[in-house]
């Protein structure tokens, strides 16, 4: 346990998060348990967590590959993926948005396997290429306390010490469903055959 997880910090951020948990739940709010999970990604005390402890309204950089991987996709496509995950699938883990991109937190190992799965998938070429962050990479995560700035923010904030995280197969499924749904929306079906450009056209509204 790092000193970032002390009972009281200079800003009492964990007390603030615990009190905010009582009697209500907001999808975009980090809970005290969710903050503890994020902190576990850094292992021992690190400079990023030291800064976050002093400034809980600031973003922080956390390493990927042990506690979570991150799949980075276009924000619009990411919302389509989330729609499929929550309406037709098992749901999602934490999700953030930053600089026009959606960051989907996934199970460790996803960053390594997802590109290969997309290469084998029939619809893989239609999927906007994601950026996958795994072991050896780090990502910027939103602050514990919302700052109201234009920086990163949570769409689905971590709220437990052991969140469920989608693996590469689930992320692939969401990518394919999002692409297929977008393709289907572009198809216009008519019960009438296409018009013959050489056919004579008469104004039947004048007939008696």
C-alpha atoms as a PDB file:
ATOM      1  CA  UNK A   1       0.000   0.000   0.000  1.00  0.00           C
ATOM      2  CA  UNK A   2       1.478   3.330  -0.961  1.00  0.00           C
ATOM      3  CA  UNK A   3       1.449   6.439   1.167  1.00  0.00           C
ATOM      4  CA  UNK A   4      -0.909   7.880  -1.445  1.00  0.00           C
ATOM      5  CA  UNK A   5      -3.507   5.638   0.196  1.00  0.00           C
ATOM      6  CA  UNK A   6      -3.123   7.084   3.696  1.00  0.00           C
ATOM      7  CA  UNK A   7      -6.315   7.665   5.673  1.00  0.00           C
ATOM      8  CA  UNK A   8      -5.840  11.391   5.256  1.00  0.00           C
ATOM      9  CA  UNK A   9      -3.897  13.261   2.596  1.00  0.00           C
ATOM     10  CA  UNK A  10      -3.136  17.006   2.491  1.00  0.00           C
ATOM     11  CA  UNK A  11      -6.466  17.473   0.680  1.00  0.00           C
ATOM     12  CA  UNK A  12      -8.367  14.654   2.456  1.00  0.00           C
ATOM     13  CA  UNK A  13      -9.120  13.354  -1.020  1.00  0.00           C
ATOM     14  CA  UNK A  14      -9.957   9.821   0.098  1.00  0.00           C
ATOM     15  CA  UNK A  15     -12.269  11.081   2.825  1.00  0.00           C
ATOM     16  CA  UNK A  16     -13.942  13.239   0.162  1.00  0.00           C
ATOM     17  CA  UNK A  17     -14.352  10.241  -2.142  1.00  0.00           C
ATOM     18  CA  UNK A  18     -15.736   8.024   0.626  1.00  0.00           C
ATOM     19  CA  UNK A  19     -18.250  10.627   1.747  1.00  0.00           C
ATOM     20  CA  UNK A  20     -19.343  11.111  -1.855  1.00  0.00           C
ATOM     21  CA  UNK A  21     -20.023   7.366  -2.133  1.00  0.00           C
ATOM     22  CA  UNK A  22     -22.666   7.400   0.572  1.00  0.00           C
ATOM     23  CA  UNK A  23     -26.205   7.128  -0.705  1.00  0.00           C
ATOM     24  CA  UNK A  24     -25.475   7.732  -4.359  1.00  0.00           C
ATOM     25  CA  UNK A  25     -23.551   6.454  -7.354  1.00  0.00           C
ATOM     26  CA  UNK A  26     -22.377   8.465 -10.315  1.00  0.00           C
ATOM     27  CA  UNK A  27     -20.872   6.671 -13.288  1.00  0.00           C
ATOM     28  CA  UNK A  28     -18.265   9.386 -13.918  1.00  0.00           C
ATOM     29  CA  UNK A  29     -17.126   9.677 -10.265  1.00  0.00           C
ATOM     30  CA  UNK A  30     -14.102   7.831  -8.915  1.00  0.00           C
ATOM     31  CA  UNK A  31     -14.854   6.109  -5.608  1.00  0.00           C
ATOM     32  CA  UNK A  32     -12.314   5.506  -2.854  1.00  0.00           C
ATOM     33  CA  UNK A  33     -12.070   1.829  -3.863  1.00  0.00           C
ATOM     34  CA  UNK A  34     -11.639   2.831  -7.495  1.00  0.00           C
ATOM     35  CA  UNK A  35      -8.832   5.212  -6.550  1.00  0.00           C
ATOM     36  CA  UNK A  36      -7.128   2.413  -4.620  1.00  0.00           C
ATOM     37  CA  UNK A  37      -7.284   0.222  -7.726  1.00  0.00           C
ATOM     38  CA  UNK A  38      -5.720   2.945  -9.866  1.00  0.00           C
ATOM     39  CA  UNK A  39      -2.945   3.436  -7.301  1.00  0.00           C
ATOM     40  CA  UNK A  40      -2.140  -0.286  -7.367  1.00  0.00           C
ATOM     41  CA  UNK A  41      -1.007   0.056 -10.994  1.00  0.00           C
ATOM     42  CA  UNK A  42       2.034   2.045  -9.850  1.00  0.00           C
ATOM     43  CA  UNK A  43       3.180  -0.588  -7.370  1.00  0.00           C
ATOM     44  CA  UNK A  44       5.397   1.247  -4.905  1.00  0.00           C
ATOM     45  CA  UNK A  45       5.365   4.956  -4.284  1.00  0.00           C
ATOM     46  CA  UNK A  46       6.136   6.819  -7.529  1.00  0.00           C
ATOM     47  CA  UNK A  47       6.613  10.431  -8.478  1.00  0.00           C
ATOM     48  CA  UNK A  48       3.293  10.469 -10.387  1.00  0.00           C
ATOM     49  CA  UNK A  49       1.380   9.372  -7.291  1.00  0.00           C
ATOM     50  CA  UNK A  50       3.281  11.841  -5.144  1.00  0.00           C
ATOM     51  CA  UNK A  51       2.089  14.658  -7.386  1.00  0.00           C
ATOM     52  CA  UNK A  52      -1.443  13.244  -7.481  1.00  0.00           C
ATOM     53  CA  UNK A  53      -1.545  13.065  -3.684  1.00  0.00           C
ATOM     54  CA  UNK A  54      -0.719  16.755  -3.487  1.00  0.00           C
ATOM     55  CA  UNK A  55      -2.929  17.714  -6.437  1.00  0.00           C
ATOM     56  CA  UNK A  56      -5.916  15.307  -6.658  1.00  0.00           C
ATOM     57  CA  UNK A  57      -7.578  17.494  -9.302  1.00  0.00           C
ATOM     58  CA  UNK A  58      -4.670  16.893 -11.724  1.00  0.00           C
ATOM     59  CA  UNK A  59      -4.252  14.006 -14.199  1.00  0.00           C
ATOM     60  CA  UNK A  60      -1.544  11.415 -13.575  1.00  0.00           C
ATOM     61  CA  UNK A  61       0.520   9.011 -15.689  1.00  0.00           C
ATOM     62  CA  UNK A  62       0.153   5.357 -14.711  1.00  0.00           C
ATOM     63  CA  UNK A  63       1.914   2.300 -16.163  1.00  0.00           C
ATOM     64  CA  UNK A  64       0.028  -0.336 -18.133  1.00  0.00           C
ATOM     65  CA  UNK A  65       0.545  -4.065 -18.404  1.00  0.00           C
ATOM     66  CA  UNK A  66       0.161  -5.387 -14.850  1.00  0.00           C
ATOM     67  CA  UNK A  67      -3.163  -4.108 -13.486  1.00  0.00           C
ATOM     68  CA  UNK A  68      -4.704  -3.045 -16.793  1.00  0.00           C
ATOM     69  CA  UNK A  69      -4.042  -2.439 -20.492  1.00  0.00           C
ATOM     70  CA  UNK A  70      -5.628   0.432 -22.403  1.00  0.00           C
ATOM     71  CA  UNK A  71      -7.196   0.400 -25.876  1.00  0.00           C
ATOM     72  CA  UNK A  72      -7.207   3.898 -27.391  1.00  0.00           C
ATOM     73  CA  UNK A  73      -9.790   4.516 -30.145  1.00  0.00           C
ATOM     74  CA  UNK A  74     -11.495   7.454 -31.844  1.00  0.00           C
ATOM     75  CA  UNK A  75     -14.035   8.949 -29.424  1.00  0.00           C
ATOM     76  CA  UNK A  76     -17.047   8.485 -31.735  1.00  0.00           C
ATOM     77  CA  UNK A  77     -16.113   4.882 -32.490  1.00  0.00           C
ATOM     78  CA  UNK A  78     -15.440   4.326 -28.803  1.00  0.00           C
ATOM     79  CA  UNK A  79     -18.949   5.436 -27.905  1.00  0.00           C
ATOM     80  CA  UNK A  80     -20.337   3.002 -30.473  1.00  0.00           C
ATOM     81  CA  UNK A  81     -18.285   0.243 -28.862  1.00  0.00           C
ATOM     82  CA  UNK A  82     -19.587   1.204 -25.432  1.00  0.00           C
ATOM     83  CA  UNK A  83     -23.160   1.177 -26.710  1.00  0.00           C
ATOM     84  CA  UNK A  84     -22.700  -2.406 -27.930  1.00  0.00           C
ATOM     85  CA  UNK A  85     -20.894  -3.485 -24.762  1.00  0.00           C
ATOM     86  CA  UNK A  86     -23.654  -2.176 -22.520  1.00  0.00           C
ATOM     87  CA  UNK A  87     -26.728  -2.996 -24.618  1.00  0.00           C
ATOM     88  CA  UNK A  88     -25.741  -6.359 -26.116  1.00  0.00           C
ATOM     89  CA  UNK A  89     -22.641  -7.456 -24.234  1.00  0.00           C
ATOM     90  CA  UNK A  90     -21.185  -7.836 -20.730  1.00  0.00           C
ATOM     91  CA  UNK A  91     -20.562  -4.125 -20.081  1.00  0.00           C
ATOM     92  CA  UNK A  92     -17.197  -2.433 -19.811  1.00  0.00           C
ATOM     93  CA  UNK A  93     -14.467  -1.600 -17.377  1.00  0.00           C
ATOM     94  CA  UNK A  94     -13.410   1.994 -16.684  1.00  0.00           C
ATOM     95  CA  UNK A  95     -13.440   4.301 -19.715  1.00  0.00           C
ATOM     96  CA  UNK A  96     -11.936   7.775 -20.077  1.00  0.00           C
ATOM     97  CA  UNK A  97     -11.822  10.367 -22.858  1.00  0.00           C
ATOM     98  CA  UNK A  98      -8.815  12.519 -23.686  1.00  0.00           C
ATOM     99  CA  UNK A  99      -7.962  14.696 -26.713  1.00  0.00           C
ATOM    100  CA  UNK A 100     -10.745  13.310 -28.882  1.00  0.00           C
ATOM    101  CA  UNK A 101      -9.951   9.693 -28.040  1.00  0.00           C
ATOM    102  CA  UNK A 102     -11.646   7.082 -25.871  1.00  0.00           C
ATOM    103  CA  UNK A 103      -9.472   5.049 -23.503  1.00  0.00           C
ATOM    104  CA  UNK A 104     -10.984   1.648 -22.728  1.00  0.00           C
ATOM    105  CA  UNK A 105      -9.323  -0.070 -19.768  1.00  0.00           C
ATOM    106  CA  UNK A 106      -8.900  -3.758 -20.568  1.00  0.00           C
ATOM    107  CA  UNK A 107      -7.429  -6.895 -19.042  1.00  0.00           C
ATOM    108  CA  UNK A 108      -3.619  -7.186 -19.048  1.00  0.00           C
ATOM    109  CA  UNK A 109      -2.463  -8.875 -22.257  1.00  0.00           C
ATOM    110  CA  UNK A 110      -5.154  -7.263 -24.420  1.00  0.00           C
ATOM    111  CA  UNK A 111      -2.692  -4.818 -25.999  1.00  0.00           C
ATOM    112  CA  UNK A 112      -0.565  -7.684 -27.256  1.00  0.00           C
ATOM    113  CA  UNK A 113      -3.327  -9.925 -28.590  1.00  0.00           C
ATOM    114  CA  UNK A 114      -5.908  -7.502 -30.004  1.00  0.00           C
ATOM    115  CA  UNK A 115      -3.932  -6.411 -33.121  1.00  0.00           C
ATOM    116  CA  UNK A 116      -3.431 -10.046 -34.136  1.00  0.00           C
ATOM    117  CA  UNK A 117      -7.113 -10.858 -33.620  1.00  0.00           C
ATOM    118  CA  UNK A 118      -8.098  -7.868 -35.752  1.00  0.00           C
ATOM    119  CA  UNK A 119      -5.770  -9.153 -38.470  1.00  0.00           C
ATOM    120  CA  UNK A 120      -7.620 -12.476 -38.597  1.00  0.00           C
ATOM    121  CA  UNK A 121     -11.129 -11.026 -38.298  1.00  0.00           C
ATOM    122  CA  UNK A 122     -13.204 -10.725 -41.498  1.00  0.00           C
ATOM    123  CA  UNK A 123     -14.301  -7.212 -40.532  1.00  0.00           C
ATOM    124  CA  UNK A 124     -10.907  -6.301 -39.091  1.00  0.00           C
ATOM    125  CA  UNK A 125      -9.916  -4.041 -41.980  1.00  0.00           C
ATOM    126  CA  UNK A 126     -13.030  -1.922 -41.393  1.00  0.00           C
ATOM    127  CA  UNK A 127     -12.122  -1.217 -37.760  1.00  0.00           C
ATOM    128  CA  UNK A 128     -10.353   2.131 -37.203  1.00  0.00           C
ATOM    129  CA  UNK A 129      -6.917   1.044 -36.005  1.00  0.00           C
ATOM    130  CA  UNK A 130      -6.739   1.249 -32.208  1.00  0.00           C
ATOM    131  CA  UNK A 131      -3.644   2.240 -30.258  1.00  0.00           C
ATOM    132  CA  UNK A 132      -2.917  -0.467 -27.695  1.00  0.00           C
ATOM    133  CA  UNK A 133      -0.952   0.224 -24.530  1.00  0.00           C
ATOM    134  CA  UNK A 134       0.450  -2.675 -22.536  1.00  0.00           C
ATOM    135  CA  UNK A 135       3.566  -3.674 -20.647  1.00  0.00           C
ATOM    136  CA  UNK A 136       6.195  -0.936 -20.880  1.00  0.00           C
ATOM    137  CA  UNK A 137       3.665   1.789 -21.759  1.00  0.00           C
ATOM    138  CA  UNK A 138       2.015   4.455 -19.627  1.00  0.00           C
ATOM    139  CA  UNK A 139      -1.203   6.437 -20.051  1.00  0.00           C
ATOM    140  CA  UNK A 140      -2.593   9.677 -18.701  1.00  0.00           C
ATOM    141  CA  UNK A 141      -5.595   9.021 -16.489  1.00  0.00           C
ATOM    142  CA  UNK A 142      -8.160  11.623 -15.386  1.00  0.00           C
ATOM    143  CA  UNK A 143      -7.916  13.202 -11.921  1.00  0.00           C
ATOM    144  CA  UNK A 144      -9.527  11.698  -8.853  1.00  0.00           C
ATOM    145  CA  UNK A 145     -11.491  14.879  -8.240  1.00  0.00           C
ATOM    146  CA  UNK A 146     -13.183  16.503 -11.287  1.00  0.00           C
ATOM    147  CA  UNK A 147     -11.478  19.781 -12.125  1.00  0.00           C
ATOM    148  CA  UNK A 148     -13.862  21.135 -14.764  1.00  0.00           C
ATOM    149  CA  UNK A 149     -10.982  21.714 -17.175  1.00  0.00           C
ATOM    150  CA  UNK A 150     -10.699  20.515 -20.763  1.00  0.00           C
ATOM    151  CA  UNK A 151      -8.324  17.695 -19.764  1.00  0.00           C
ATOM    152  CA  UNK A 152      -9.054  13.977 -19.524  1.00  0.00           C
ATOM    153  CA  UNK A 153     -12.283  12.909 -17.851  1.00  0.00           C
ATOM    154  CA  UNK A 154     -14.035   9.686 -16.936  1.00  0.00           C
ATOM    155  CA  UNK A 155     -17.002   8.310 -18.846  1.00  0.00           C
ATOM    156  CA  UNK A 156     -17.078   5.189 -16.684  1.00  0.00           C
ATOM    157  CA  UNK A 157     -14.984   5.785 -13.572  1.00  0.00           C
ATOM    158  CA  UNK A 158     -13.394   2.993 -11.500  1.00  0.00           C
ATOM    159  CA  UNK A 159     -15.592   2.253  -8.486  1.00  0.00           C
ATOM    160  CA  UNK A 160     -14.201  -0.983  -7.042  1.00  0.00           C
ATOM    161  CA  UNK A 161     -10.857  -2.475  -6.026  1.00  0.00           C
ATOM    162  CA  UNK A 162     -11.409  -5.373  -8.441  1.00  0.00           C
ATOM    163  CA  UNK A 163     -13.185  -4.050 -11.562  1.00  0.00           C
ATOM    164  CA  UNK A 164     -14.140  -6.414 -14.330  1.00  0.00           C
ATOM    165  CA  UNK A 165     -12.011  -5.700 -17.410  1.00  0.00           C
ATOM    166  CA  UNK A 166     -12.817  -6.935 -20.932  1.00  0.00           C
ATOM    167  CA  UNK A 167     -10.240  -9.199 -22.546  1.00  0.00           C
ATOM    168  CA  UNK A 168      -9.086  -9.066 -26.190  1.00  0.00           C
ATOM    169  CA  UNK A 169     -11.930 -11.258 -27.462  1.00  0.00           C
ATOM    170  CA  UNK A 170     -14.578  -9.017 -25.886  1.00  0.00           C
ATOM    171  CA  UNK A 171     -12.911  -5.867 -27.217  1.00  0.00           C
ATOM    172  CA  UNK A 172     -12.726  -7.464 -30.678  1.00  0.00           C
ATOM    173  CA  UNK A 173     -16.433  -8.352 -30.463  1.00  0.00           C
ATOM    174  CA  UNK A 174     -17.282  -4.737 -29.587  1.00  0.00           C
ATOM    175  CA  UNK A 175     -15.140  -3.395 -32.454  1.00  0.00           C
ATOM    176  CA  UNK A 176     -16.826  -5.667 -34.990  1.00  0.00           C
ATOM    177  CA  UNK A 177     -20.339  -4.962 -33.700  1.00  0.00           C
ATOM    178  CA  UNK A 178     -19.681  -1.205 -33.841  1.00  0.00           C
ATOM    179  CA  UNK A 179     -18.419  -1.425 -37.439  1.00  0.00           C
ATOM    180  CA  UNK A 180     -21.289  -3.632 -38.583  1.00  0.00           C
ATOM    181  CA  UNK A 181     -23.850  -1.342 -36.970  1.00  0.00           C
ATOM    182  CA  UNK A 182     -22.356   1.684 -38.718  1.00  0.00           C
ATOM    183  CA  UNK A 183     -22.323  -0.170 -42.057  1.00  0.00           C
ATOM    184  CA  UNK A 184     -25.955  -1.234 -41.669  1.00  0.00           C
ATOM    185  CA  UNK A 185     -26.974   2.362 -40.938  1.00  0.00           C
ATOM    186  CA  UNK A 186     -25.440   3.434 -44.258  1.00  0.00           C
ATOM    187  CA  UNK A 187     -27.546   0.962 -46.269  1.00  0.00           C
ATOM    188  CA  UNK A 188     -30.782   2.373 -47.672  1.00  0.00           C
ATOM    189  CA  UNK A 189     -33.358  -0.271 -48.573  1.00  0.00           C
ATOM    190  CA  UNK A 190     -36.298   0.470 -50.900  1.00  0.00           C
ATOM    191  CA  UNK A 191     -39.232  -1.751 -51.875  1.00  0.00           C
ATOM    192  CA  UNK A 192     -39.227  -0.160 -55.327  1.00  0.00           C
ATOM    193  CA  UNK A 193     -36.769  -1.096 -58.092  1.00  0.00           C
ATOM    194  CA  UNK A 194     -34.367   1.598 -59.295  1.00  0.00           C
ATOM    195  CA  UNK A 195     -35.856   3.965 -61.874  1.00  0.00           C
ATOM    196  CA  UNK A 196     -35.071   3.467 -65.566  1.00  0.00           C
ATOM    197  CA  UNK A 197     -33.303   6.667 -66.692  1.00  0.00           C
ATOM    198  CA  UNK A 198     -34.677   6.228 -70.233  1.00  0.00           C
ATOM    199  CA  UNK A 199     -38.307   5.716 -69.263  1.00  0.00           C
ATOM    200  CA  UNK A 200     -41.024   8.211 -70.176  1.00  0.00           C
ATOM    201  CA  UNK A 201     -42.542   9.966 -67.184  1.00  0.00           C
ATOM    202  CA  UNK A 202     -46.144  11.183 -67.233  1.00  0.00           C
ATOM    203  CA  UNK A 203     -47.929  13.537 -64.851  1.00  0.00           C
ATOM    204  CA  UNK A 204     -50.883  11.389 -63.790  1.00  0.00           C
ATOM    205  CA  UNK A 205     -52.223  14.050 -61.415  1.00  0.00           C
ATOM    206  CA  UNK A 206     -53.930  15.762 -64.399  1.00  0.00           C
ATOM    207  CA  UNK A 207     -55.740  12.637 -65.601  1.00  0.00           C
ATOM    208  CA  UNK A 208     -59.562  12.607 -65.297  1.00  0.00           C
END
